[in-house]
Amino acid sequence: NGADYRMKGKVVAFELELRHLTYFCDEVK
């Protein structure tokens, strides 16, 4: 509900927990 725009509006910042990142990166083929 309202993205976190950063770097003068050039990116949207979104935080994910490490367990989700490692799952997506290491487990999902």
PDB file of all heavy atoms in Angstrom:
ATOM      1  N   ASN A   1       0.852  -1.185   0.000  1.00  0.00           N
ATOM      2  CA  ASN A   1       0.000   0.000   0.000  1.00  0.00           C
ATOM      3  C   ASN A   1       0.890   1.238   0.000  1.00  0.00           C
ATOM      4  O   ASN A   1       1.039   1.918   0.997  1.00  0.00           O
ATOM      5  CB  ASN A   1      -0.929  -0.018   1.215  1.00  0.00           C
ATOM      6  CG  ASN A   1      -2.125   0.869   1.025  1.00  0.00           C
ATOM      7  OD1 ASN A   1      -2.321   1.423  -0.046  1.00  0.00           O
ATOM      8  ND2 ASN A   1      -2.925   1.001   2.061  1.00  0.00           N
ATOM      9  N   GLY A   2       1.508   1.499  -1.141  1.00  0.00           N
ATOM     10  CA  GLY A   2       2.467   2.593  -1.264  1.00  0.00           C
ATOM     11  C   GLY A   2       3.875   2.046  -1.287  1.00  0.00           C
ATOM     12  O   GLY A   2       4.410   1.668  -0.248  1.00  0.00           O
ATOM     13  N   ALA A   3       4.462   1.939  -2.455  1.00  0.00           N
ATOM     14  CA  ALA A   3       5.811   1.390  -2.597  1.00  0.00           C
ATOM     15  C   ALA A   3       6.840   2.321  -1.969  1.00  0.00           C
ATOM     16  O   ALA A   3       6.625   3.527  -1.850  1.00  0.00           O
ATOM     17  CB  ALA A   3       6.129   1.152  -4.068  1.00  0.00           C
ATOM     18  N   ASP A   4       7.978   1.748  -1.576  1.00  0.00           N
ATOM     19  CA  ASP A   4       9.085   2.484  -0.972  1.00  0.00           C
ATOM     20  C   ASP A   4      10.052   2.894  -2.078  1.00  0.00           C
ATOM     21  O   ASP A   4      10.987   2.172  -2.405  1.00  0.00           O
ATOM     22  CB  ASP A   4       9.771   1.597   0.069  1.00  0.00           C
ATOM     23  CG  ASP A   4      10.912   2.284   0.788  1.00  0.00           C
ATOM     24  OD1 ASP A   4      11.159   3.484   0.541  1.00  0.00           O
ATOM     25  OD2 ASP A   4      11.579   1.607   1.605  1.00  0.00           O
ATOM     26  N   TYR A   5       9.791   4.052  -2.692  1.00  0.00           N
ATOM     27  CA  TYR A   5      10.633   4.550  -3.781  1.00  0.00           C
ATOM     28  C   TYR A   5      11.888   5.182  -3.181  1.00  0.00           C
ATOM     29  O   TYR A   5      11.806   5.983  -2.258  1.00  0.00           O
ATOM     30  CB  TYR A   5       9.878   5.562  -4.635  1.00  0.00           C
ATOM     31  CG  TYR A   5       8.686   4.961  -5.344  1.00  0.00           C
ATOM     32  CD1 TYR A   5       7.418   5.000  -4.777  1.00  0.00           C
ATOM     33  CD2 TYR A   5       8.848   4.341  -6.578  1.00  0.00           C
ATOM     34  CE1 TYR A   5       6.328   4.434  -5.425  1.00  0.00           C
ATOM     35  CE2 TYR A   5       7.757   3.772  -7.232  1.00  0.00           C
ATOM     36  CZ  TYR A   5       6.507   3.824  -6.645  1.00  0.00           C
ATOM     37  OH  TYR A   5       5.436   3.265  -7.282  1.00  0.00           O
ATOM     38  N   ARG A   6      13.040   4.799  -3.741  1.00  0.00           N
ATOM     39  CA  ARG A   6      14.328   5.320  -3.256  1.00  0.00           C
ATOM     40  C   ARG A   6      15.199   5.742  -4.436  1.00  0.00           C
ATOM     41  O   ARG A   6      14.843   5.528  -5.578  1.00  0.00           O
ATOM     42  CB  ARG A   6      15.061   4.256  -2.434  1.00  0.00           C
ATOM     43  CG  ARG A   6      14.327   3.898  -1.154  1.00  0.00           C
ATOM     44  CD  ARG A   6      15.154   2.972  -0.292  1.00  0.00           C
ATOM     45  NE  ARG A   6      14.385   2.512   0.859  1.00  0.00           N
ATOM     46  CZ  ARG A   6      14.840   1.643   1.742  1.00  0.00           C
ATOM     47  NH1 ARG A   6      16.055   1.140   1.619  1.00  0.00           N
ATOM     48  NH2 ARG A   6      14.080   1.276   2.746  1.00  0.00           N
ATOM     49  N   MET A   7      16.371   6.272  -4.105  1.00  0.00           N
ATOM     50  CA  MET A   7      17.346   6.722  -5.108  1.00  0.00           C
ATOM     51  C   MET A   7      16.692   7.674  -6.109  1.00  0.00           C
ATOM     52  O   MET A   7      16.704   7.452  -7.318  1.00  0.00           O
ATOM     53  CB  MET A   7      18.002   5.533  -5.814  1.00  0.00           C
ATOM     54  CG  MET A   7      18.809   4.662  -4.888  1.00  0.00           C
ATOM     55  SD  MET A   7      19.556   3.314  -5.809  1.00  0.00           S
ATOM     56  CE  MET A   7      20.129   2.304  -4.449  1.00  0.00           C
ATOM     57  N   LYS A   8      16.066   8.707  -5.540  1.00  0.00           N
ATOM     58  CA  LYS A   8      15.376   9.737  -6.330  1.00  0.00           C
ATOM     59  C   LYS A   8      14.285   9.135  -7.218  1.00  0.00           C
ATOM     60  O   LYS A   8      14.071   9.559  -8.347  1.00  0.00           O
ATOM     61  CB  LYS A   8      16.371  10.542  -7.147  1.00  0.00           C
ATOM     62  CG  LYS A   8      17.357  11.309  -6.282  1.00  0.00           C
ATOM     63  CD  LYS A   8      18.275  12.152  -7.108  1.00  0.00           C
ATOM     64  CE  LYS A   8      19.230  12.892  -6.178  1.00  0.00           C
ATOM     65  NZ  LYS A   8      20.166  13.740  -6.902  1.00  0.00           N
ATOM     66  N   GLY A   9      13.603   8.107  -6.677  1.00  0.00           N
ATOM     67  CA  GLY A   9      12.487   7.503  -7.378  1.00  0.00           C
ATOM     68  C   GLY A   9      12.855   6.516  -8.464  1.00  0.00           C
ATOM     69  O   GLY A   9      12.002   6.087  -9.225  1.00  0.00           O
ATOM     70  N   LYS A  10      14.127   6.116  -8.531  1.00  0.00           N
ATOM     71  CA  LYS A  10      14.575   5.215  -9.597  1.00  0.00           C
ATOM     72  C   LYS A  10      14.417   3.739  -9.263  1.00  0.00           C
ATOM     73  O   LYS A  10      14.478   2.894 -10.157  1.00  0.00           O
ATOM     74  CB  LYS A  10      16.027   5.513  -9.960  1.00  0.00           C
ATOM     75  CG  LYS A  10      16.198   6.867 -10.610  1.00  0.00           C
ATOM     76  CD  LYS A  10      17.619   7.101 -11.025  1.00  0.00           C
ATOM     77  CE  LYS A  10      17.717   8.476 -11.673  1.00  0.00           C
ATOM     78  NZ  LYS A  10      19.076   8.784 -12.091  1.00  0.00           N
ATOM     79  N   VAL A  11      14.226   3.419  -7.980  1.00  0.00           N
ATOM     80  CA  VAL A  11      14.051   2.021  -7.572  1.00  0.00           C
ATOM     81  C   VAL A  11      12.933   1.924  -6.537  1.00  0.00           C
ATOM     82  O   VAL A  11      12.608   2.887  -5.855  1.00  0.00           O
ATOM     83  CB  VAL A  11      15.345   1.402  -6.981  1.00  0.00           C
ATOM     84  CG1 VAL A  11      16.490   1.438  -7.967  1.00  0.00           C
ATOM     85  CG2 VAL A  11      15.731   2.053  -5.671  1.00  0.00           C
ATOM     86  N   VAL A  12      12.378   0.725  -6.459  1.00  0.00           N
ATOM     87  CA  VAL A  12      11.442   0.385  -5.393  1.00  0.00           C
ATOM     88  C   VAL A  12      12.184  -0.559  -4.460  1.00  0.00           C
ATOM     89  O   VAL A  12      12.739  -1.569  -4.904  1.00  0.00           O
ATOM     90  CB  VAL A  12      10.175  -0.293  -5.953  1.00  0.00           C
ATOM     91  CG1 VAL A  12       9.327  -0.861  -4.835  1.00  0.00           C
ATOM     92  CG2 VAL A  12       9.378   0.692  -6.781  1.00  0.00           C
ATOM     93  N   ALA A  13      12.238  -0.210  -3.185  1.00  0.00           N
ATOM     94  CA  ALA A  13      12.902  -1.048  -2.195  1.00  0.00           C
ATOM     95  C   ALA A  13      11.883  -2.014  -1.601  1.00  0.00           C
ATOM     96  O   ALA A  13      10.746  -1.625  -1.299  1.00  0.00           O
ATOM     97  CB  ALA A  13      13.513  -0.185  -1.100  1.00  0.00           C
ATOM     98  N   PHE A  14      12.308  -3.275  -1.469  1.00  0.00           N
ATOM     99  CA  PHE A  14      11.438  -4.275  -0.873  1.00  0.00           C
ATOM    100  C   PHE A  14      12.298  -5.245  -0.078  1.00  0.00           C
ATOM    101  O   PHE A  14      13.274  -5.778  -0.584  1.00  0.00           O
ATOM    102  CB  PHE A  14      10.635  -5.026  -1.939  1.00  0.00           C
ATOM    103  CG  PHE A  14       9.576  -5.893  -1.343  1.00  0.00           C
ATOM    104  CD1 PHE A  14       8.359  -5.349  -0.956  1.00  0.00           C
ATOM    105  CD2 PHE A  14       9.803  -7.239  -1.134  1.00  0.00           C
ATOM    106  CE1 PHE A  14       7.381  -6.140  -0.376  1.00  0.00           C
ATOM    107  CE2 PHE A  14       8.829  -8.039  -0.566  1.00  0.00           C
ATOM    108  CZ  PHE A  14       7.616  -7.491  -0.182  1.00  0.00           C
ATOM    109  N   GLU A  15      11.921  -5.461   1.179  1.00  0.00           N
ATOM    110  CA  GLU A  15      12.706  -6.301   2.082  1.00  0.00           C
ATOM    111  C   GLU A  15      12.128  -7.714   2.151  1.00  0.00           C
ATOM    112  O   GLU A  15      10.927  -7.905   2.261  1.00  0.00           O
ATOM    113  CB  GLU A  15      12.697  -5.679   3.483  1.00  0.00           C
ATOM    114  CG  GLU A  15      13.609  -6.383   4.461  1.00  0.00           C
ATOM    115  CD  GLU A  15      13.653  -5.672   5.803  1.00  0.00           C
ATOM    116  OE1 GLU A  15      13.540  -4.430   5.839  1.00  0.00           O
ATOM    117  OE2 GLU A  15      13.797  -6.369   6.812  1.00  0.00           O
ATOM    118  N   LEU A  16      13.025  -8.701   2.055  1.00  0.00           N
ATOM    119  CA  LEU A  16      12.648 -10.102   2.223  1.00  0.00           C
ATOM    120  C   LEU A  16      13.552 -10.751   3.261  1.00  0.00           C
ATOM    121  O   LEU A  16      14.736 -10.408   3.353  1.00  0.00           O
ATOM    122  CB  LEU A  16      12.773 -10.872   0.911  1.00  0.00           C
ATOM    123  CG  LEU A  16      11.641 -10.753  -0.089  1.00  0.00           C
ATOM    124  CD1 LEU A  16      11.983 -11.487  -1.378  1.00  0.00           C
ATOM    125  CD2 LEU A  16      10.348 -11.300   0.478  1.00  0.00           C
ATOM    126  N   GLU A  17      12.994 -11.671   4.014  1.00  0.00           N
ATOM    127  CA  GLU A  17      13.770 -12.393   5.017  1.00  0.00           C
ATOM    128  C   GLU A  17      14.764 -13.338   4.341  1.00  0.00           C
ATOM    129  O   GLU A  17      14.507 -13.850   3.250  1.00  0.00           O
ATOM    130  CB  GLU A  17      12.849 -13.211   5.918  1.00  0.00           C
ATOM    131  CG  GLU A  17      11.975 -12.375   6.811  1.00  0.00           C
ATOM    132  CD  GLU A  17      11.063 -13.240   7.665  1.00  0.00           C
ATOM    133  OE1 GLU A  17      11.350 -14.440   7.859  1.00  0.00           O
ATOM    134  OE2 GLU A  17      10.043 -12.704   8.134  1.00  0.00           O
ATOM    135  N   LEU A  18      15.873 -13.583   5.033  1.00  0.00           N
ATOM    136  CA  LEU A  18      16.930 -14.440   4.511  1.00  0.00           C
ATOM    137  C   LEU A  18      16.407 -15.827   4.155  1.00  0.00           C
ATOM    138  O   LEU A  18      16.774 -16.391   3.126  1.00  0.00           O
ATOM    139  CB  LEU A  18      18.082 -14.547   5.519  1.00  0.00           C
ATOM    140  CG  LEU A  18      19.239 -15.433   5.091  1.00  0.00           C
ATOM    141  CD1 LEU A  18      19.909 -14.885   3.838  1.00  0.00           C
ATOM    142  CD2 LEU A  18      20.241 -15.579   6.219  1.00  0.00           C
ATOM    143  N   ARG A  19      15.523 -16.383   4.962  1.00  0.00           N
ATOM    144  CA  ARG A  19      15.028 -17.737   4.692  1.00  0.00           C
ATOM    145  C   ARG A  19      14.293 -17.813   3.359  1.00  0.00           C
ATOM    146  O   ARG A  19      14.372 -18.811   2.645  1.00  0.00           O
ATOM    147  CB  ARG A  19      14.158 -18.243   5.839  1.00  0.00           C
ATOM    148  CG  ARG A  19      12.880 -17.486   6.054  1.00  0.00           C
ATOM    149  CD  ARG A  19      12.158 -17.959   7.328  1.00  0.00           C
ATOM    150  NE  ARG A  19      10.962 -17.213   7.555  1.00  0.00           N
ATOM    151  CZ  ARG A  19       9.734 -17.662   7.298  1.00  0.00           C
ATOM    152  NH1 ARG A  19       9.568 -18.888   6.839  1.00  0.00           N
ATOM    153  NH2 ARG A  19       8.685 -16.918   7.520  1.00  0.00           N
ATOM    154  N   HIS A  20      13.602 -16.750   2.983  1.00  0.00           N
ATOM    155  CA  HIS A  20      12.923 -16.731   1.688  1.00  0.00           C
ATOM    156  C   HIS A  20      13.937 -16.564   0.549  1.00  0.00           C
ATOM    157  O   HIS A  20      13.838 -17.231  -0.479  1.00  0.00           O
ATOM    158  CB  HIS A  20      11.889 -15.610   1.625  1.00  0.00           C
ATOM    159  CG  HIS A  20      10.794 -15.759   2.617  1.00  0.00           C
ATOM    160  ND1 HIS A  20       9.930 -16.836   2.627  1.00  0.00           N
ATOM    161  CD2 HIS A  20      10.411 -14.977   3.646  1.00  0.00           C
ATOM    162  CE1 HIS A  20       9.070 -16.700   3.612  1.00  0.00           C
ATOM    163  NE2 HIS A  20       9.337 -15.580   4.257  1.00  0.00           N
ATOM    164  N   LEU A  21      14.892 -15.689   0.747  1.00  0.00           N
ATOM    165  CA  LEU A  21      15.905 -15.462  -0.282  1.00  0.00           C
ATOM    166  C   LEU A  21      16.726 -16.714  -0.554  1.00  0.00           C
ATOM    167  O   LEU A  21      16.960 -17.062  -1.716  1.00  0.00           O
ATOM    168  CB  LEU A  21      16.823 -14.312   0.130  1.00  0.00           C
ATOM    169  CG  LEU A  21      16.177 -12.931   0.209  1.00  0.00           C
ATOM    170  CD1 LEU A  21      17.139 -11.926   0.809  1.00  0.00           C
ATOM    171  CD2 LEU A  21      15.706 -12.489  -1.153  1.00  0.00           C
ATOM    172  N   THR A  22      17.148 -17.393   0.497  1.00  0.00           N
ATOM    173  CA  THR A  22      17.937 -18.613   0.292  1.00  0.00           C
ATOM    174  C   THR A  22      17.094 -19.713  -0.341  1.00  0.00           C
ATOM    175  O   THR A  22      17.595 -20.482  -1.161  1.00  0.00           O
ATOM    176  CB  THR A  22      18.581 -19.118   1.602  1.00  0.00           C
ATOM    177  OG1 THR A  22      17.578 -19.308   2.585  1.00  0.00           O
ATOM    178  CG2 THR A  22      19.635 -18.156   2.100  1.00  0.00           C
ATOM    179  N   TYR A  23      15.834 -19.789   0.003  1.00  0.00           N
ATOM    180  CA  TYR A  23      14.946 -20.771  -0.623  1.00  0.00           C
ATOM    181  C   TYR A  23      14.844 -20.503  -2.127  1.00  0.00           C
ATOM    182  O   TYR A  23      15.036 -21.404  -2.950  1.00  0.00           O
ATOM    183  CB  TYR A  23      13.558 -20.721   0.021  1.00  0.00           C
ATOM    184  CG  TYR A  23      12.515 -21.519  -0.722  1.00  0.00           C
ATOM    185  CD1 TYR A  23      12.533 -22.921  -0.705  1.00  0.00           C
ATOM    186  CD2 TYR A  23      11.525 -20.892  -1.454  1.00  0.00           C
ATOM    187  CE1 TYR A  23      11.592 -23.652  -1.402  1.00  0.00           C
ATOM    188  CE2 TYR A  23      10.572 -21.619  -2.145  1.00  0.00           C
ATOM    189  CZ  TYR A  23      10.615 -22.999  -2.122  1.00  0.00           C
ATOM    190  OH  TYR A  23       9.682 -23.720  -2.817  1.00  0.00           O
ATOM    191  N   PHE A  24      14.546 -19.274  -2.501  1.00  0.00           N
ATOM    192  CA  PHE A  24      14.390 -18.940  -3.913  1.00  0.00           C
ATOM    193  C   PHE A  24      15.705 -19.120  -4.674  1.00  0.00           C
ATOM    194  O   PHE A  24      15.719 -19.579  -5.812  1.00  0.00           O
ATOM    195  CB  PHE A  24      13.899 -17.510  -4.092  1.00  0.00           C
ATOM    196  CG  PHE A  24      12.490 -17.284  -3.623  1.00  0.00           C
ATOM    197  CD1 PHE A  24      12.165 -16.165  -2.881  1.00  0.00           C
ATOM    198  CD2 PHE A  24      11.482 -18.190  -3.911  1.00  0.00           C
ATOM    199  CE1 PHE A  24      10.862 -15.942  -2.455  1.00  0.00           C
ATOM    200  CE2 PHE A  24      10.181 -17.983  -3.484  1.00  0.00           C
ATOM    201  CZ  PHE A  24       9.870 -16.858  -2.751  1.00  0.00           C
ATOM    202  N   CYS A  25      16.813 -18.769  -4.039  1.00  0.00           N
ATOM    203  CA  CYS A  25      18.109 -18.813  -4.706  1.00  0.00           C
ATOM    204  C   CYS A  25      18.712 -20.222  -4.760  1.00  0.00           C
ATOM    205  O   CYS A  25      19.273 -20.619  -5.775  1.00  0.00           O
ATOM    206  CB  CYS A  25      19.066 -17.863  -3.984  1.00  0.00           C
ATOM    207  SG  CYS A  25      20.557 -17.525  -4.908  1.00  0.00           S
ATOM    208  N   ASP A  26      18.578 -20.984  -3.680  1.00  0.00           N
ATOM    209  CA  ASP A  26      19.267 -22.265  -3.570  1.00  0.00           C
ATOM    210  C   ASP A  26      18.397 -23.491  -3.844  1.00  0.00           C
ATOM    211  O   ASP A  26      18.901 -24.517  -4.281  1.00  0.00           O
ATOM    212  CB  ASP A  26      19.871 -22.421  -2.172  1.00  0.00           C
ATOM    213  CG  ASP A  26      20.888 -21.335  -1.855  1.00  0.00           C
ATOM    214  OD1 ASP A  26      21.423 -20.707  -2.789  1.00  0.00           O
ATOM    215  OD2 ASP A  26      21.132 -21.108  -0.655  1.00  0.00           O
ATOM    216  N   GLU A  27      17.121 -23.407  -3.572  1.00  0.00           N
ATOM    217  CA  GLU A  27      16.253 -24.584  -3.665  1.00  0.00           C
ATOM    218  C   GLU A  27      15.407 -24.632  -4.932  1.00  0.00           C
ATOM    219  O   GLU A  27      15.191 -25.702  -5.487  1.00  0.00           O
ATOM    220  CB  GLU A  27      15.325 -24.657  -2.440  1.00  0.00           C
ATOM    221  CG  GLU A  27      16.052 -24.678  -1.110  1.00  0.00           C
ATOM    222  CD  GLU A  27      16.962 -25.891  -0.943  1.00  0.00           C
ATOM    223  OE1 GLU A  27      16.611 -26.974  -1.442  1.00  0.00           O
ATOM    224  OE2 GLU A  27      18.019 -25.737  -0.324  1.00  0.00           O
ATOM    225  N   VAL A  28      14.912 -23.505  -5.366  1.00  0.00           N
ATOM    226  CA  VAL A  28      14.016 -23.465  -6.523  1.00  0.00           C
ATOM    227  C   VAL A  28      14.870 -23.524  -7.789  1.00  0.00           C
ATOM    228  O   VAL A  28      15.757 -22.699  -7.975  1.00  0.00           O
ATOM    229  CB  VAL A  28      13.131 -22.196  -6.505  1.00  0.00           C
ATOM    230  CG1 VAL A  28      12.215 -22.176  -7.714  1.00  0.00           C
ATOM    231  CG2 VAL A  28      12.330 -22.131  -5.220  1.00  0.00           C
ATOM    232  N   LYS A  29      14.579 -24.489  -8.631  1.00  0.00           N
ATOM    233  CA  LYS A  29      15.378 -24.700  -9.845  1.00  0.00           C
ATOM    234  C   LYS A  29      14.903 -23.866 -11.031  1.00  0.00           C
ATOM    235  O   LYS A  29      15.634 -23.676 -11.981  1.00  0.00           O
ATOM    236  CB  LYS A  29      15.369 -26.187 -10.228  1.00  0.00           C
ATOM    237  CG  LYS A  29      15.873 -27.086  -9.126  1.00  0.00           C
ATOM    238  CD  LYS A  29      17.267 -26.708  -8.675  1.00  0.00           C
ATOM    239  CE  LYS A  29      17.730 -27.615  -7.540  1.00  0.00           C
ATOM    240  NZ  LYS A  29      18.703 -26.989  -6.677  1.00  0.00           N
TER     241      LYS A  29
END
